[in-house]
């Protein structure tokens, strides 16, 4: 019976490889009990069968690094900031080299596209929630953004 436990399920590996091909992922990893299988498009497939150790309860505290200087205006606190509705990559123009959707000082209308956030290979247009004037653009083109991160300030 222990011999059966040590045997690798080749069908599972084939299924994982098919998922990579179907989804255009570069790597997939599955973990079940003490078996971990990682299939990577980079040309290497790893098989690991070992007990999984738990992380230590706490690590000794390191000397805190000095905090980086914050910008003069803290845009995260601005009530007029439009925040990211999802995690992804922000693009300020519809295509590389194209004119940006918005510029500082421009007057915009409610519903007008501010920028695009790419998430899972889907381009999501982010509309303006209100009309007003763009006073600040808080992200750069092709910058990764987090959910809730301020993107643009509209006065």
Protein backbone atom coordinates (compact mmCIF):
# COMPACT_ATOMS: atom_id res chain seq x y z
CA UNK A 1 0.00 0.00 0.00
CA UNK A 2 2.85 2.45 0.74
CA UNK A 3 4.19 1.63 -2.74
CA UNK A 4 0.94 2.93 -4.24
CA UNK A 5 1.27 6.14 -2.20
CA UNK A 6 4.73 6.84 -3.64
CA UNK A 7 3.52 6.42 -7.23
CA UNK A 8 3.04 9.68 -9.17
CA UNK A 9 -0.33 10.11 -10.88
CA UNK A 10 0.72 10.67 -14.51
CA UNK A 11 -2.85 11.42 -15.52
CA UNK A 12 -2.90 14.33 -13.08
CA UNK A 13 0.33 15.66 -14.56
CA UNK A 14 -1.11 15.41 -18.07
CA UNK A 15 -4.27 17.23 -16.91
CA UNK A 16 -2.16 19.99 -15.36
CA UNK A 17 -0.10 20.31 -18.55
CA UNK A 18 -3.33 20.56 -20.57
CA UNK A 19 -4.57 23.31 -18.24
CA UNK A 20 -1.31 25.20 -18.91
CA UNK A 21 -1.85 24.92 -22.65
CA UNK A 22 -5.54 25.84 -22.49
CA UNK A 23 -5.11 28.87 -20.22
CA UNK A 24 -1.75 30.19 -21.44
CA UNK A 25 -0.37 30.01 -17.89
CA UNK A 26 3.37 29.52 -17.42
CA UNK A 27 3.18 27.47 -14.24
CA UNK A 28 0.68 25.56 -12.12
CA UNK A 29 1.17 23.89 -8.75
CA UNK A 30 -1.11 21.48 -6.90
CA UNK A 31 -0.69 20.42 -3.30
CA UNK A 32 -2.56 17.61 -1.58
CA UNK A 33 -1.57 16.08 1.74
CA UNK A 34 2.19 15.50 1.51
CA UNK A 35 2.34 15.55 -2.30
CA UNK A 36 3.15 18.69 -4.27
CA UNK A 37 3.29 18.74 -8.08
CA UNK A 38 4.42 21.77 -10.06
CA UNK A 39 4.26 21.86 -13.84
CA UNK A 40 6.02 24.74 -15.57
CA UNK A 41 6.04 25.84 -19.18
CA UNK A 42 9.70 26.82 -18.72
CA UNK A 43 10.64 23.28 -19.67
CA UNK A 44 11.00 21.84 -16.19
CA UNK A 45 8.55 19.71 -14.30
CA UNK A 46 9.22 19.09 -10.65
CA UNK A 47 7.84 16.34 -8.48
CA UNK A 48 8.16 16.72 -4.76
CA UNK A 49 6.85 14.25 -2.25
CA UNK A 50 7.85 15.31 1.19
CA UNK A 51 6.18 16.36 4.40
CA UNK A 52 5.24 20.01 4.29
CA UNK A 53 6.65 21.85 7.28
CA UNK A 54 4.64 24.57 8.90
CA UNK A 55 6.14 28.04 9.06
CA UNK A 56 7.49 29.07 12.46
CA UNK A 57 4.97 30.81 14.69
CA UNK A 58 6.99 34.02 14.64
CA UNK A 59 10.29 35.31 13.41
CA UNK A 60 12.55 37.46 15.56
CA UNK A 61 11.93 41.13 14.96
CA UNK A 62 14.49 42.80 12.76
CA UNK A 63 15.62 46.36 13.20
CA UNK A 64 13.02 48.43 11.35
CA UNK A 65 14.29 50.18 8.26
CA UNK A 66 13.83 53.94 8.16
CA UNK A 67 10.57 54.87 6.46
CA UNK A 68 10.80 56.37 3.01
CA UNK A 69 9.86 60.01 2.74
CA UNK A 70 6.20 60.36 1.89
CA UNK A 71 5.12 62.67 -0.92
CA UNK A 72 4.06 66.17 0.15
CA UNK A 73 0.40 65.42 -0.63
CA UNK A 74 -0.87 62.06 0.56
CA UNK A 75 -3.14 61.04 -2.35
CA UNK A 76 -4.40 57.99 -0.44
CA UNK A 77 -6.26 60.35 1.89
CA UNK A 78 -7.87 62.39 -0.90
CA UNK A 79 -11.65 61.96 -0.90
CA UNK A 80 -11.73 63.02 -4.57
CA UNK A 81 -9.47 60.18 -5.69
CA UNK A 82 -10.88 57.49 -7.98
CA UNK A 83 -9.63 54.13 -6.71
CA UNK A 84 -8.85 50.91 -8.54
CA UNK A 85 -11.84 48.54 -8.57
CA UNK A 86 -9.54 45.54 -9.13
CA UNK A 87 -5.96 44.30 -9.11
CA UNK A 88 -4.16 44.52 -12.43
CA UNK A 89 -1.97 46.67 -14.65
CA UNK A 90 -3.02 50.25 -15.36
CA UNK A 91 -2.69 51.66 -18.87
CA UNK A 92 -3.21 55.36 -19.47
CA UNK A 93 -3.76 55.04 -23.26
CA UNK A 94 -5.79 52.65 -25.44
CA UNK A 95 -2.63 51.41 -27.19
CA UNK A 96 1.15 51.87 -26.89
CA UNK A 97 2.10 55.23 -28.37
CA UNK A 98 -1.51 56.45 -28.49
CA UNK A 99 -2.71 59.63 -26.84
CA UNK A 100 -3.65 59.09 -23.15
CA UNK A 101 -7.34 58.95 -22.18
CA UNK A 102 -6.89 61.88 -19.76
CA UNK A 103 -4.37 64.60 -18.89
CA UNK A 104 -3.92 66.75 -15.81
CA UNK A 105 -6.05 69.87 -16.19
CA UNK A 106 -8.55 68.26 -18.56
CA UNK A 107 -12.27 68.52 -17.87
CA UNK A 108 -14.07 65.18 -18.04
CA UNK A 109 -17.65 63.96 -17.95
CA UNK A 110 -19.17 61.24 -15.81
CA UNK A 111 -18.73 57.85 -17.53
CA UNK A 112 -15.75 58.99 -19.61
CA UNK A 113 -12.90 56.44 -19.66
CA UNK A 114 -10.07 57.43 -17.30
CA UNK A 115 -7.74 54.50 -17.98
CA UNK A 116 -7.68 50.76 -18.56
CA UNK A 117 -6.84 48.09 -16.01
CA UNK A 118 -5.74 44.77 -17.48
CA UNK A 119 -6.71 41.85 -15.25
CA UNK A 120 -6.35 38.24 -16.37
CA UNK A 121 -5.74 39.31 -19.97
CA UNK A 122 -8.97 41.31 -20.03
CA UNK A 123 -8.88 45.06 -20.68
CA UNK A 124 -11.31 46.80 -18.29
CA UNK A 125 -12.17 50.43 -19.02
CA UNK A 126 -12.41 52.44 -15.80
CA UNK A 127 -15.12 55.13 -16.17
CA UNK A 128 -15.17 58.40 -14.29
CA UNK A 129 -17.69 58.27 -11.44
CA UNK A 130 -18.35 62.02 -11.77
CA UNK A 131 -17.72 65.05 -13.94
CA UNK A 132 -14.92 67.42 -13.02
CA UNK A 133 -11.34 68.46 -13.63
CA UNK A 134 -8.37 66.06 -13.48
CA UNK A 135 -5.99 67.50 -10.87
CA UNK A 136 -3.61 64.56 -10.53
CA UNK A 137 -2.83 61.22 -12.15
CA UNK A 138 -1.38 58.99 -9.42
CA UNK A 139 -0.20 56.02 -11.51
CA UNK A 140 2.20 55.58 -14.40
CA UNK A 141 1.48 53.77 -17.64
CA UNK A 142 1.86 49.97 -17.35
CA UNK A 143 2.07 50.18 -13.55
CA UNK A 144 0.69 47.33 -11.41
CA UNK A 145 -2.16 48.50 -9.18
CA UNK A 146 -3.88 47.03 -6.14
CA UNK A 147 -7.57 47.01 -5.29
CA UNK A 148 -8.52 50.33 -3.68
CA UNK A 149 -5.33 52.10 -4.80
CA UNK A 150 -5.92 55.76 -5.73
CA UNK A 151 -5.56 56.26 -9.50
CA UNK A 152 -6.78 59.73 -10.43
CA UNK A 153 -7.94 62.82 -8.52
CA UNK A 154 -11.03 64.58 -9.88
CA UNK A 155 -12.02 67.97 -8.38
